[in-house]
Amino acid sequence: MLFVTCVSFAANSEEDVIIRLQAVETLSVVLRCILAKNLAGWEVMVVFADDINESDKVFMEFVDMIAQILEDDKVPATMRHRVLQLAIVYTSSVNQLSPGAYLLRRDLFPALVKLVKSPETERYTFEATLLLSFLANFHRSDAAKLNPYLQHIRDTGDIALMKKICWATNFACDTAIKAYQGVSDDSNPTFAKTIGTLITSLRPDRALSSQPVDPPRELFKNQPIEASVSLLPLFEYLFFNPLFTQVFTDTAHTDNSETATSRIPPLSYTVLSLSSYLLTHGTSSASPRAMAYANLAMNTLLIMAENSRVMDVFCGQSVQLIRLCRQRLPWLPTPASTRPPVCALLDCCVLWLRHNLHKRLEIYTYTTCIRTCFRVIWYLQKVRIRIDYEWLELWKAIIAVLGFLAGKLDQLTTTGGVENLIQETLRLVDFALSRAEIFLTTPGDIHIFIYELVRSSDVIQKQTKILQTLAQPGSMDRRMSLRSESASRSLKRVLSVISYYEAEISGSGAQTAKESLRIVARLVDKDGVNATQERHEEDLRDQGEDVIGFIRYGCSDGLALMP
């Protein structure tokens, strides 16, 4: 009775605005409290409609009330905002339960677009976009074709709407970045900071602490903050709407007055920066929520790496430095000047590869990361662009993953997917080796890459035995069999190159790393990379996947943001 009465008062346009607003606020409290009790879908219908047979009538009156108020320009902006928040509370609380389907029967997309584009309500863009994402994710896996909101995300060509979404997302992501930086200041060293550190080190209690240490991981247990959920609608639009990519990339080289005044970097830079923090701390606190955000960030990077328009812009020069996470040792090299944004994208991958090697290995995200690196290198060699990048950091991180798997395979919590991860990694190394002379910046980069492989020959040779151990011939389908054969060929080619240079180094009598590197350099400069000239018929289908599993955490954070 309370629910039905409040809906009736809120929907009555002839009623006093204050009374209508109180009815909406009462509904918000009632919904939040009752739906927090983990009721089943039919129980929700019984509680609010008294009878399942009455649920259609009661809940559609509730949805109609939301739609009418959001669409009505005559309703004060404050009330429209509270109704928008009410819709988020309801959607977040029911999540994937059957009562959520009532919001799919009445298309709220036009009302949400009007809310975003109206000067009076544009400041509510973040919440409107969040609601749209939650609605688009309702039973995504089994009823995607029936979801009108998902269809709108795919088909909309409203550039003004997309610009507003980018604007709101940028502010939310920047807030999330500042929250990480508030926990531990990781800004680049300055003269004043260096002097301050020196003076601090002279204190008696700091005299012996000469080496930098990681901040305690417990400090990051509440990170990322809920505003990070803004990555979800950004991912949805990048994943489904090709036109949105144009708006997204336009932000990378337009320094408009709003951005300049607020000193917030362009959205594409902010996303890369936030991703670096999410990926660095993905497994720091053993939090499934933090890991879900890291996985969302990595899938967003893969979507960008697979998009030629994004990569075209990312391979151009940055308009400013992109600040990346420096809260875990070892730090990434500090760039001396602005670099193409694709360098920051690769750095994000390095941060994930370095800092998340645990017995409970997040194999899916590691595989996504390797695929992202592959797509970046594939694009660079395709368009024949050489970027000024610290490639050695990437090679070390990739080989460290293979070394971890070679040494800790028996200790992993699960080995499901490890075979695929190794196959993808070997495919990446083989491809990079065969295209090294096309995409690596200098001859020195090629020399160091080959020497790093030779130095790690034991690790790479162990992959043969691991793949044999993990292989299950009886259960392999044709696709898995072809992938296994391709990985075996890649491994043989890489080992062949390593064996050639190992033999030459051994025959020359080189005793030190410097002498060995000099031998490799002489051979490469004389004959080129001694890699097979066999053409790589690589499967380049897009491998970015929808992040359906994230919606649980997204709804929880969306609810936490509501008053």
Protein backbone atom coordinates (compact mmCIF):
# COMPACT_ATOMS: atom_id res chain seq x y z
CA MET A 1 0.00 0.00 0.00
CA LEU A 2 2.85 2.39 0.80
CA PHE A 3 4.49 1.65 -2.55
CA VAL A 4 1.31 2.06 -4.59
CA THR A 5 0.29 5.22 -2.73
CA CYS A 6 3.69 6.88 -3.23
CA VAL A 7 3.65 6.03 -6.94
CA SER A 8 0.19 7.55 -7.22
CA PHE A 9 1.23 10.81 -5.52
CA ALA A 10 4.47 11.07 -7.52
CA ALA A 11 2.64 10.53 -10.82
CA ASN A 12 -0.08 13.10 -10.13
CA SER A 13 0.96 16.23 -12.05
CA GLU A 14 -1.71 18.28 -10.27
CA GLU A 15 -0.26 17.53 -6.85
CA ASP A 16 2.06 19.96 -5.06
CA VAL A 17 5.70 19.53 -6.18
CA ILE A 18 6.98 19.19 -2.62
CA ILE A 19 4.55 16.35 -1.91
CA ARG A 20 5.51 14.62 -5.17
CA LEU A 21 9.18 14.99 -4.29
CA GLN A 22 8.58 13.51 -0.82
CA ALA A 23 6.78 10.57 -2.42
CA VAL A 24 9.76 9.92 -4.71
CA GLU A 25 12.19 10.08 -1.80
CA THR A 26 10.02 7.69 0.21
CA LEU A 27 10.00 5.25 -2.71
CA SER A 28 13.79 5.45 -2.89
CA VAL A 29 14.15 4.57 0.80
CA VAL A 30 11.60 1.75 0.65
CA LEU A 31 13.11 0.19 -2.48
CA ARG A 32 16.68 0.40 -1.22
CA CYS A 33 15.89 -1.14 2.16
CA ILE A 34 13.56 -3.94 1.06
CA LEU A 35 15.52 -4.99 -2.05
CA ALA A 36 18.68 -5.22 0.09
CA LYS A 37 17.19 -8.37 1.64
CA ASN A 38 18.18 -10.55 -1.35
CA LEU A 39 14.64 -11.47 -2.29
CA ALA A 40 13.85 -13.66 -5.27
CA GLY A 41 12.12 -12.08 -8.26
CA TRP A 42 8.68 -13.46 -7.41
CA GLU A 43 9.09 -12.34 -3.79
CA VAL A 44 9.75 -8.78 -4.95
CA MET A 45 6.51 -8.88 -6.93
CA VAL A 46 4.55 -10.18 -3.95
CA VAL A 47 5.99 -7.60 -1.55
CA PHE A 48 5.30 -4.57 -3.75
CA ALA A 49 2.19 -5.69 -5.65
CA ASP A 50 0.62 -7.90 -2.94
CA ASP A 51 -0.11 -10.49 -5.62
CA ILE A 52 1.90 -11.74 -8.57
CA ASN A 53 -1.17 -11.34 -10.75
CA GLU A 54 -1.18 -7.61 -9.93
CA SER A 55 2.56 -7.12 -10.49
CA ASP A 56 2.28 -6.05 -14.15
CA LYS A 57 -0.20 -3.29 -13.29
CA VAL A 58 1.68 -2.04 -10.22
CA PHE A 59 5.18 -2.08 -11.66
CA MET A 60 4.16 -0.58 -15.00
CA GLU A 61 2.51 2.31 -13.14
CA PHE A 62 5.84 2.77 -11.36
CA VAL A 63 7.79 2.72 -14.66
CA ASP A 64 5.28 5.03 -16.35
CA MET A 65 5.65 7.49 -13.49
CA ILE A 66 9.46 7.52 -13.97
CA ALA A 67 9.14 7.98 -17.74
CA GLN A 68 6.54 10.77 -17.51
CA ILE A 69 8.56 12.83 -15.03
CA LEU A 70 11.86 12.42 -16.88
CA GLU A 71 10.22 13.47 -20.15
CA ASP A 72 8.33 16.46 -18.74
CA ASP A 73 10.25 19.72 -19.19
CA LYS A 74 7.80 21.48 -16.89
CA VAL A 75 8.83 19.38 -13.90
CA PRO A 76 11.57 21.10 -11.85
CA ALA A 77 15.11 19.83 -12.56
CA THR A 78 15.53 18.84 -8.91
CA MET A 79 12.61 16.44 -9.06
CA ARG A 80 13.67 14.98 -12.39
CA HIS A 81 17.08 14.37 -10.83
CA ARG A 82 15.55 12.55 -7.83
CA VAL A 83 13.45 10.39 -10.14
CA LEU A 84 16.56 9.56 -12.16
CA GLN A 85 18.28 8.51 -8.93
CA LEU A 86 15.18 6.49 -7.98
CA ALA A 87 15.44 4.61 -11.28
CA ILE A 88 19.11 3.85 -10.57
CA VAL A 89 18.29 2.63 -7.05
CA TYR A 90 15.63 0.31 -8.45
CA THR A 91 17.75 -0.96 -11.36
CA SER A 92 20.84 -1.47 -9.22
CA SER A 93 18.91 -3.23 -6.47
CA VAL A 94 16.96 -5.69 -8.63
CA ASN A 95 20.04 -6.23 -10.85
CA GLN A 96 19.20 -9.28 -12.99
CA LEU A 97 15.98 -10.28 -11.19
CA SER A 98 12.80 -10.57 -13.26
CA PRO A 99 11.21 -7.28 -12.03
CA GLY A 100 13.98 -5.45 -13.85
CA ALA A 101 12.31 -6.42 -17.13
CA TYR A 102 9.54 -3.87 -16.54
CA LEU A 103 11.98 -1.07 -17.39
CA LEU A 104 12.49 -2.69 -20.79
CA ARG A 105 8.78 -2.46 -21.62
CA ARG A 106 8.81 1.35 -21.59
CA ASP A 107 11.69 2.84 -23.58
CA LEU A 108 13.36 5.46 -21.39
CA PHE A 109 16.13 6.24 -23.91
CA PRO A 110 14.48 9.37 -25.42
CA ALA A 111 13.86 10.74 -21.91
CA LEU A 112 17.46 10.09 -20.89
CA VAL A 113 18.77 11.77 -24.05
CA LYS A 114 16.60 14.83 -23.35
CA LEU A 115 17.92 14.89 -19.78
CA VAL A 116 21.54 14.80 -20.99
CA LYS A 117 21.15 17.45 -23.69
CA SER A 118 18.98 19.93 -21.79
CA PRO A 119 20.98 22.87 -20.31
CA GLU A 120 18.96 22.61 -17.09
CA THR A 121 19.78 18.93 -16.48
CA GLU A 122 23.05 18.28 -18.34
CA ARG A 123 24.85 18.17 -15.00
CA TYR A 124 23.10 14.83 -14.39
CA THR A 125 24.71 13.24 -17.46
CA PHE A 126 26.85 10.84 -15.42
CA GLU A 127 23.82 9.34 -13.67
CA ALA A 128 21.73 9.21 -16.86
CA THR A 129 24.53 7.39 -18.69
CA LEU A 130 24.97 5.01 -15.78
CA LEU A 131 21.27 4.11 -15.80
CA LEU A 132 21.44 3.49 -19.55
CA SER A 133 24.37 1.08 -19.06
CA PHE A 134 22.59 -0.85 -16.31
CA LEU A 135 19.46 -1.17 -18.44
CA ALA A 136 21.49 -2.28 -21.47
CA ASN A 137 23.08 -5.03 -19.36
CA PHE A 138 19.83 -6.58 -18.19
CA HIS A 139 20.07 -10.28 -19.11
CA ARG A 140 22.62 -9.38 -21.78
CA SER A 141 23.75 -12.96 -22.37
CA ASP A 142 20.34 -14.48 -23.09
CA ALA A 143 18.13 -11.60 -24.25
CA ALA A 144 20.42 -9.09 -25.94
CA LYS A 145 18.30 -8.87 -29.10
CA LEU A 146 15.23 -7.97 -27.06
CA ASN A 147 16.91 -5.16 -25.12
CA PRO A 148 15.96 -1.77 -26.61
CA TYR A 149 18.67 0.10 -24.71
CA LEU A 150 21.43 -2.06 -26.15
CA GLN A 151 19.99 -1.42 -29.58
CA HIS A 152 20.02 2.33 -28.95
CA ILE A 153 23.67 2.22 -27.90
CA ARG A 154 24.49 0.39 -31.14
CA ASP A 155 22.44 2.58 -33.47
CA THR A 156 22.46 6.11 -32.10
CA GLY A 157 24.18 8.72 -34.24
CA ASP A 158 23.63 11.62 -31.85
CA ILE A 159 27.05 13.29 -31.73
CA ALA A 160 25.93 15.87 -29.14
CA LEU A 161 24.85 13.04 -26.81
CA MET A 162 28.18 11.27 -27.24
CA LYS A 163 30.14 14.43 -26.46
CA LYS A 164 28.17 14.87 -23.24
CA ILE A 165 28.90 11.26 -22.28
CA CYS A 166 32.62 11.81 -22.91
CA TRP A 167 32.55 15.02 -20.87
CA ALA A 168 30.88 13.37 -17.86
CA THR A 169 33.06 10.25 -18.06
CA ASN A 170 36.21 12.34 -18.13
CA PHE A 171 35.35 14.11 -14.88
CA ALA A 172 34.40 10.83 -13.15
CA CYS A 173 37.60 9.05 -14.27
CA ASP A 174 39.72 12.00 -13.19
CA THR A 175 38.10 11.88 -9.75
CA ALA A 176 38.92 8.16 -9.49
CA ILE A 177 42.56 8.84 -10.42
CA LYS A 178 42.87 11.56 -7.77
CA ALA A 179 41.52 9.11 -5.18
CA TYR A 180 44.43 6.73 -5.91
CA GLN A 181 46.89 9.62 -5.78
CA GLY A 182 45.41 10.76 -2.48
CA VAL A 183 46.32 7.40 -0.96
CA SER A 184 49.94 7.57 -2.12
CA ASP A 185 51.56 10.49 -3.96
CA ASP A 186 53.26 9.01 -7.02
CA SER A 187 54.02 12.19 -8.89
CA ASN A 188 57.31 12.36 -10.77
CA PRO A 189 60.30 13.60 -8.76
CA THR A 190 60.92 17.35 -8.79
CA PHE A 191 63.83 19.35 -7.39
CA ALA A 192 61.81 20.41 -4.34
CA LYS A 193 60.63 16.82 -3.74
CA THR A 194 64.17 15.50 -4.05
CA ILE A 195 65.49 18.04 -1.50
CA GLY A 196 62.62 17.17 0.83
CA THR A 197 63.40 13.46 0.55
CA LEU A 198 67.07 14.13 1.24
CA ILE A 199 66.28 16.13 4.37
CA THR A 200 63.85 13.45 5.55
CA SER A 201 66.50 10.75 5.05
CA LEU A 202 68.80 12.62 7.46
CA ARG A 203 66.37 12.07 10.34
CA PRO A 204 67.65 9.43 12.82
CA ASP A 205 64.59 7.22 12.30
CA ARG A 206 65.05 7.30 8.50
CA ALA A 207 68.81 7.01 8.33
CA LEU A 208 68.75 3.37 7.26
CA SER A 209 65.77 3.54 4.89
CA SER A 210 67.64 4.46 1.72
CA GLN A 211 65.63 2.30 -0.66
CA PRO A 212 62.09 3.17 -1.78
CA VAL A 213 59.45 0.65 -0.77
CA ASP A 214 55.93 -0.15 -1.94
CA PRO A 215 53.16 1.50 0.11
CA PRO A 216 51.22 -1.10 2.17
CA ARG A 217 48.64 -2.82 0.01
CA GLU A 218 46.03 -2.40 2.74
CA LEU A 219 45.96 1.29 1.89
CA PHE A 220 44.29 0.47 -1.42
CA LYS A 221 41.61 -1.88 -0.08
CA ASN A 222 38.88 0.72 -0.72
CA GLN A 223 40.09 1.52 -4.22
CA PRO A 224 38.87 2.11 -6.83
CA ILE A 225 36.18 4.53 -5.69
CA GLU A 226 32.64 4.10 -6.99
CA ALA A 227 33.05 6.84 -9.62
CA SER A 228 35.22 4.37 -11.57
CA VAL A 229 31.99 2.71 -12.70
CA SER A 230 31.95 5.41 -15.40
CA LEU A 231 34.23 3.09 -17.37
CA LEU A 232 31.25 0.79 -18.00
CA PRO A 233 29.22 3.10 -20.29
CA LEU A 234 32.44 4.12 -22.03
CA PHE A 235 33.22 0.47 -22.73
CA GLU A 236 29.68 -0.16 -23.97
CA TYR A 237 29.84 2.66 -26.51
CA LEU A 238 33.37 1.83 -27.68
CA PHE A 239 32.42 -1.83 -28.03
CA PHE A 240 29.11 -1.39 -29.86
CA ASN A 241 29.04 1.99 -31.60
CA PRO A 242 31.62 2.75 -34.34
CA LEU A 243 30.61 6.42 -34.50
CA PHE A 244 31.38 6.89 -30.81
CA THR A 245 35.01 6.03 -31.56
CA GLN A 246 35.26 9.20 -33.65
CA VAL A 247 34.00 11.37 -30.78
CA PHE A 248 36.29 9.57 -28.33
CA THR A 249 39.41 10.07 -30.45
CA ASP A 250 38.54 13.70 -31.22
CA THR A 251 39.11 14.41 -27.52
CA ALA A 252 42.77 13.38 -27.89
CA HIS A 253 43.71 16.39 -29.99
CA THR A 254 41.22 19.06 -29.00
CA ASP A 255 42.23 21.22 -26.09
CA ASN A 256 38.92 23.04 -25.57
CA SER A 257 38.43 25.81 -23.04
CA GLU A 258 36.68 23.57 -20.51
CA THR A 259 39.55 21.08 -20.48
CA ALA A 260 42.14 23.82 -20.32
CA THR A 261 40.36 25.65 -17.49
CA SER A 262 39.80 22.54 -15.36
CA ARG A 263 43.21 21.12 -16.19
CA ILE A 264 41.70 17.71 -16.86
CA PRO A 265 43.45 15.85 -19.70
CA PRO A 266 41.49 14.65 -22.75
CA LEU A 267 39.25 11.64 -22.09
CA SER A 268 41.44 9.14 -23.95
CA TYR A 269 44.43 10.17 -21.79
CA THR A 270 42.36 9.99 -18.61
CA VAL A 271 41.17 6.48 -19.47
CA LEU A 272 44.77 5.33 -20.01
CA SER A 273 45.82 6.94 -16.74
CA LEU A 274 43.00 5.37 -14.73
CA SER A 275 43.65 2.00 -16.38
CA SER A 276 47.25 2.11 -15.17
CA TYR A 277 46.06 2.39 -11.56
CA LEU A 278 43.35 -0.25 -11.91
CA LEU A 279 45.78 -2.71 -13.52
CA THR A 280 48.64 -2.04 -11.09
CA HIS A 281 46.40 -2.75 -8.08
CA GLY A 282 44.14 -5.37 -9.68
CA THR A 283 45.16 -8.15 -7.28
CA SER A 284 46.81 -6.06 -4.52
CA SER A 285 43.99 -6.50 -2.03
CA ALA A 286 42.66 -9.86 -3.24
CA SER A 287 39.35 -8.08 -3.84
CA PRO A 288 37.02 -9.53 -6.50
CA ARG A 289 35.69 -5.99 -7.03
CA ALA A 290 39.13 -4.51 -7.73
CA MET A 291 39.83 -7.43 -10.06
CA ALA A 292 36.55 -6.85 -11.91
CA TYR A 293 37.58 -3.24 -12.56
CA ALA A 294 41.04 -4.36 -13.73
CA ASN A 295 39.41 -6.79 -16.14
CA LEU A 296 37.09 -4.05 -17.43
CA ALA A 297 40.08 -1.74 -17.95
CA MET A 298 42.05 -4.42 -19.80
CA ASN A 299 39.12 -5.22 -22.09
CA THR A 300 38.75 -1.51 -22.80
CA LEU A 301 42.42 -1.38 -23.83
CA LEU A 302 41.93 -4.38 -26.12
CA ILE A 303 38.90 -2.76 -27.76
CA MET A 304 40.99 0.35 -28.41
CA ALA A 305 43.94 -1.68 -29.75
CA GLU A 306 41.62 -3.47 -32.19
CA ASN A 307 40.18 -0.22 -33.52
CA SER A 308 42.22 1.24 -36.40
CA ARG A 309 40.83 4.75 -35.85
CA VAL A 310 41.86 4.77 -32.20
CA MET A 311 45.28 3.36 -33.04
CA ASP A 312 45.79 5.92 -35.77
CA VAL A 313 45.25 8.71 -33.24
CA PHE A 314 47.20 6.92 -30.49
CA CYS A 315 50.24 6.61 -32.74
CA GLY A 316 50.35 10.39 -33.21
CA GLN A 317 52.12 12.71 -30.80
CA SER A 318 50.47 13.46 -27.45
CA VAL A 319 49.43 17.00 -26.65
CA GLN A 320 50.67 16.45 -23.08
CA LEU A 321 52.27 13.83 -20.83
CA ILE A 322 50.00 11.00 -19.74
CA ARG A 323 50.50 10.33 -16.05
CA LEU A 324 50.69 6.64 -15.19
CA CYS A 325 50.72 4.79 -11.88
CA ARG A 326 54.05 4.71 -10.00
CA GLN A 327 52.79 3.18 -6.74
CA ARG A 328 54.45 -0.25 -7.09
CA LEU A 329 58.09 -1.12 -7.63
CA PRO A 330 59.80 -1.45 -10.05
CA TRP A 331 58.69 1.84 -11.57
CA LEU A 332 58.27 2.36 -15.26
CA PRO A 333 60.96 4.53 -16.89
CA THR A 334 60.01 8.20 -16.72
CA PRO A 335 59.56 9.57 -20.26
CA ALA A 336 61.68 12.61 -21.02
CA SER A 337 59.00 14.22 -23.18
CA THR A 338 55.54 13.64 -24.58
CA ARG A 339 55.09 10.31 -26.34
CA PRO A 340 52.40 8.83 -28.55
CA PRO A 341 49.49 7.60 -26.37
CA VAL A 342 50.09 4.05 -27.63
CA CYS A 343 53.22 4.03 -25.43
CA ALA A 344 51.01 4.61 -22.39
CA LEU A 345 48.72 1.80 -23.56
CA LEU A 346 51.69 -0.59 -23.70
CA ASP A 347 52.87 0.66 -20.30
CA CYS A 348 49.47 -0.27 -18.85
CA CYS A 349 50.00 -3.81 -20.16
CA VAL A 350 53.48 -3.93 -18.62
CA LEU A 351 52.09 -2.83 -15.25
CA TRP A 352 49.52 -5.63 -15.31
CA LEU A 353 52.06 -8.26 -16.39
CA ARG A 354 54.52 -7.22 -13.68
CA HIS A 355 52.38 -6.77 -10.62
CA ASN A 356 49.76 -9.54 -10.69
CA LEU A 357 51.71 -12.81 -10.83
CA HIS A 358 50.19 -14.86 -8.00
CA LYS A 359 49.28 -18.49 -7.39
CA ARG A 360 45.66 -17.52 -7.95
CA LEU A 361 46.56 -16.33 -11.44
CA GLU A 362 44.01 -14.23 -13.29
CA ILE A 363 44.54 -16.17 -16.49
CA TYR A 364 41.73 -14.59 -18.49
CA THR A 365 43.00 -11.05 -17.92
CA TYR A 366 46.59 -12.12 -18.64
CA THR A 367 45.45 -13.63 -21.93
CA THR A 368 43.56 -10.43 -22.78
CA CYS A 369 46.70 -8.42 -22.00
CA ILE A 370 48.86 -10.54 -24.32
CA ARG A 371 46.26 -10.16 -27.09
CA THR A 372 46.30 -6.40 -26.57
CA CYS A 373 50.10 -6.30 -26.98
CA PHE A 374 49.81 -8.44 -30.10
CA ARG A 375 47.27 -6.11 -31.69
CA VAL A 376 49.41 -3.05 -30.96
CA ILE A 377 52.49 -4.62 -32.55
CA TRP A 378 50.42 -5.91 -35.47
CA TYR A 379 49.12 -2.40 -36.14
CA LEU A 380 52.59 -0.82 -35.87
CA GLN A 381 54.08 -3.22 -38.40
CA LYS A 382 51.05 -2.92 -40.66
CA VAL A 383 51.29 0.87 -40.99
CA ARG A 384 55.12 0.77 -40.58
CA ILE A 385 55.28 3.18 -37.68
CA ARG A 386 58.27 3.15 -35.33
CA ILE A 387 57.50 4.62 -31.91
CA ASP A 388 60.10 5.74 -29.38
CA TYR A 389 59.33 3.24 -26.64
CA GLU A 390 61.22 1.33 -23.92
CA TRP A 391 60.63 -2.03 -25.56
CA LEU A 392 62.92 -3.88 -23.16
CA GLU A 393 60.40 -3.37 -20.34
CA LEU A 394 57.73 -5.15 -22.39
CA TRP A 395 59.99 -8.07 -23.38
CA LYS A 396 61.07 -8.59 -19.76
CA ALA A 397 57.48 -8.55 -18.55
CA ILE A 398 56.34 -11.06 -21.19
CA ILE A 399 59.22 -13.45 -20.52
CA ALA A 400 58.60 -13.10 -16.77
CA VAL A 401 55.10 -14.49 -17.33
CA LEU A 402 56.51 -17.53 -19.15
CA GLY A 403 59.10 -17.94 -16.40
CA PHE A 404 56.42 -17.78 -13.72
CA LEU A 405 54.36 -20.45 -15.47
CA ALA A 406 57.44 -22.64 -15.94
CA GLY A 407 58.36 -22.45 -12.26
CA LYS A 408 54.98 -22.27 -10.51
CA LEU A 409 52.68 -24.39 -12.68
CA ASP A 410 52.22 -27.06 -9.99
CA GLN A 411 51.39 -24.41 -7.38
CA LEU A 412 48.72 -22.54 -9.32
CA THR A 413 45.19 -22.65 -7.88
CA THR A 414 43.92 -23.61 -11.33
CA THR A 415 45.57 -24.46 -14.63
CA GLY A 416 42.43 -23.86 -16.68
CA GLY A 417 43.35 -21.59 -19.58
CA VAL A 418 47.12 -21.76 -18.95
CA GLU A 419 47.70 -23.64 -22.20
CA ASN A 420 45.91 -20.92 -24.15
CA LEU A 421 47.86 -18.19 -22.31
CA ILE A 422 51.19 -19.83 -23.22
CA GLN A 423 50.07 -20.30 -26.82
CA GLU A 424 49.06 -16.64 -27.14
CA THR A 425 52.34 -15.51 -25.56
CA LEU A 426 54.47 -17.65 -27.88
CA ARG A 427 52.46 -16.37 -30.83
CA LEU A 428 53.21 -12.81 -29.73
CA VAL A 429 56.96 -13.44 -29.30
CA ASP A 430 57.21 -15.19 -32.67
CA PHE A 431 55.30 -12.44 -34.45
CA ALA A 432 57.34 -9.66 -32.82
CA LEU A 433 60.58 -11.45 -33.75
CA SER A 434 59.60 -11.88 -37.38
CA ARG A 435 58.53 -8.20 -37.67
CA ALA A 436 61.23 -6.69 -35.44
CA GLU A 437 62.98 -4.87 -38.27
CA ILE A 438 59.69 -3.20 -39.27
CA PHE A 439 58.33 -1.79 -35.99
CA LEU A 440 61.31 -1.50 -33.60
CA THR A 441 62.73 2.00 -33.50
CA THR A 442 66.49 1.47 -33.73
CA PRO A 443 68.93 -1.36 -34.50
CA GLY A 444 69.79 -1.28 -30.80
CA ASP A 445 66.19 -2.20 -29.91
CA ILE A 446 66.44 -5.24 -32.19
CA HIS A 447 69.77 -6.29 -30.67
CA ILE A 448 68.41 -6.05 -27.13
CA PHE A 449 65.23 -7.96 -28.03
CA ILE A 450 67.17 -10.88 -29.48
CA TYR A 451 69.68 -10.87 -26.64
CA GLU A 452 66.82 -10.94 -24.10
CA LEU A 453 65.40 -14.03 -25.83
CA VAL A 454 68.82 -15.72 -25.87
CA ARG A 455 69.33 -14.88 -22.21
CA SER A 456 65.94 -16.46 -21.42
CA SER A 457 66.39 -19.55 -23.59
CA ASP A 458 65.90 -21.94 -20.64
CA VAL A 459 62.51 -20.42 -19.87
CA ILE A 460 61.35 -20.63 -23.48
CA GLN A 461 62.59 -24.20 -23.90
CA LYS A 462 60.55 -25.28 -20.86
CA GLN A 463 57.36 -24.22 -22.64
CA THR A 464 57.59 -27.32 -24.85
CA LYS A 465 57.24 -29.64 -21.88
CA ILE A 466 54.51 -27.52 -20.28
CA LEU A 467 52.41 -27.57 -23.45
CA GLN A 468 52.82 -31.34 -23.69
CA THR A 469 51.74 -31.69 -20.05
CA LEU A 470 48.66 -29.50 -20.47
CA ALA A 471 47.56 -30.89 -23.84
CA GLN A 472 44.47 -33.12 -23.84
CA PRO A 473 44.34 -34.64 -27.32
CA GLY A 474 41.19 -36.63 -26.70
CA SER A 475 39.10 -33.56 -25.86
CA MET A 476 40.42 -31.09 -28.41
CA ASP A 477 38.12 -29.80 -31.11
CA ARG A 478 39.43 -28.71 -34.49
CA ARG A 479 39.87 -25.07 -33.49
CA MET A 480 41.88 -25.98 -30.39
CA SER A 481 43.96 -28.41 -32.43
CA LEU A 482 44.82 -25.75 -35.01
CA ARG A 483 45.70 -23.29 -32.26
CA SER A 484 47.96 -25.88 -30.64
CA GLU A 485 49.72 -26.60 -33.93
CA SER A 486 50.21 -22.90 -34.58
CA ALA A 487 51.73 -22.41 -31.12
CA SER A 488 54.07 -25.37 -31.67
CA ARG A 489 55.29 -23.84 -34.92
CA SER A 490 55.79 -20.48 -33.23
CA LEU A 491 57.81 -22.10 -30.45
CA LYS A 492 59.99 -23.97 -32.94
CA ARG A 493 60.71 -20.79 -34.88
CA VAL A 494 61.63 -18.84 -31.74
CA LEU A 495 63.87 -21.68 -30.48
CA SER A 496 65.52 -21.90 -33.90
CA VAL A 497 66.47 -18.22 -33.77
CA ILE A 498 67.70 -18.56 -30.18
CA SER A 499 69.79 -21.62 -31.07
CA TYR A 500 71.44 -19.81 -33.96
CA TYR A 501 72.55 -16.84 -31.86
CA GLU A 502 73.47 -19.05 -28.89
CA ALA A 503 75.78 -21.06 -31.13
CA GLU A 504 77.40 -17.93 -32.52
CA ILE A 505 77.90 -16.44 -29.06
CA SER A 506 79.31 -19.70 -27.74
CA GLY A 507 81.66 -20.06 -30.74
CA SER A 508 82.98 -16.54 -30.29
CA GLY A 509 84.07 -17.21 -26.72
CA ALA A 510 82.10 -14.24 -25.31
CA GLN A 511 82.33 -14.15 -21.51
CA THR A 512 80.16 -11.17 -20.54
CA ALA A 513 76.74 -9.85 -21.35
CA LYS A 514 78.28 -6.85 -23.10
CA GLU A 515 80.39 -9.09 -25.34
CA SER A 516 77.40 -11.31 -26.13
CA LEU A 517 75.27 -8.30 -27.04
CA ARG A 518 78.07 -7.07 -29.29
CA ILE A 519 78.10 -10.44 -31.12
CA VAL A 520 74.31 -10.30 -31.60
CA ALA A 521 74.55 -6.73 -32.89
CA ARG A 522 77.25 -7.64 -35.40
CA LEU A 523 75.26 -10.61 -36.74
CA VAL A 524 72.00 -8.65 -37.00
CA ASP A 525 73.66 -5.69 -38.69
CA LYS A 526 75.31 -8.04 -41.19
CA ASP A 527 72.51 -10.49 -42.04
CA GLY A 528 69.37 -9.04 -40.45
CA VAL A 529 67.26 -10.92 -37.92
CA ASN A 530 67.82 -14.61 -38.52
CA ALA A 531 64.10 -15.33 -38.22
CA THR A 532 62.12 -17.52 -40.56
CA GLN A 533 60.68 -15.82 -43.60
CA GLU A 534 57.59 -18.01 -43.44
CA ARG A 535 54.51 -15.89 -43.81
CA HIS A 536 52.39 -15.65 -40.67
CA GLU A 537 48.79 -16.32 -41.50
CA GLU A 538 47.60 -14.79 -38.23
CA ASP A 539 43.99 -14.97 -37.14
CA LEU A 540 43.18 -11.29 -36.71
CA ARG A 541 39.53 -11.49 -35.82
CA ASP A 542 38.60 -9.06 -33.06
CA GLN A 543 38.84 -10.80 -29.71
CA GLY A 544 37.41 -8.11 -27.47
CA GLU A 545 34.62 -9.58 -25.37
CA ASP A 546 31.64 -8.17 -23.56
CA VAL A 547 32.22 -7.77 -19.81
CA ILE A 548 28.91 -9.22 -18.66
CA GLY A 549 30.40 -10.38 -15.34
CA PHE A 550 31.15 -6.80 -14.30
CA ILE A 551 27.52 -5.70 -13.99
CA ARG A 552 27.20 -7.15 -10.48
CA TYR A 553 29.91 -4.81 -9.18
CA GLY A 554 28.73 -1.96 -11.38
CA CYS A 555 25.23 -2.09 -9.89
CA SER A 556 26.63 -2.26 -6.38
CA ASP A 557 28.76 0.84 -6.95
CA GLY A 558 25.95 2.65 -8.73
CA LEU A 559 23.73 2.06 -5.70
CA ALA A 560 26.47 3.28 -3.35
CA LEU A 561 26.65 6.57 -5.28
CA MET A 562 22.96 7.30 -4.72
CA PRO A 563 21.88 9.38 -1.70
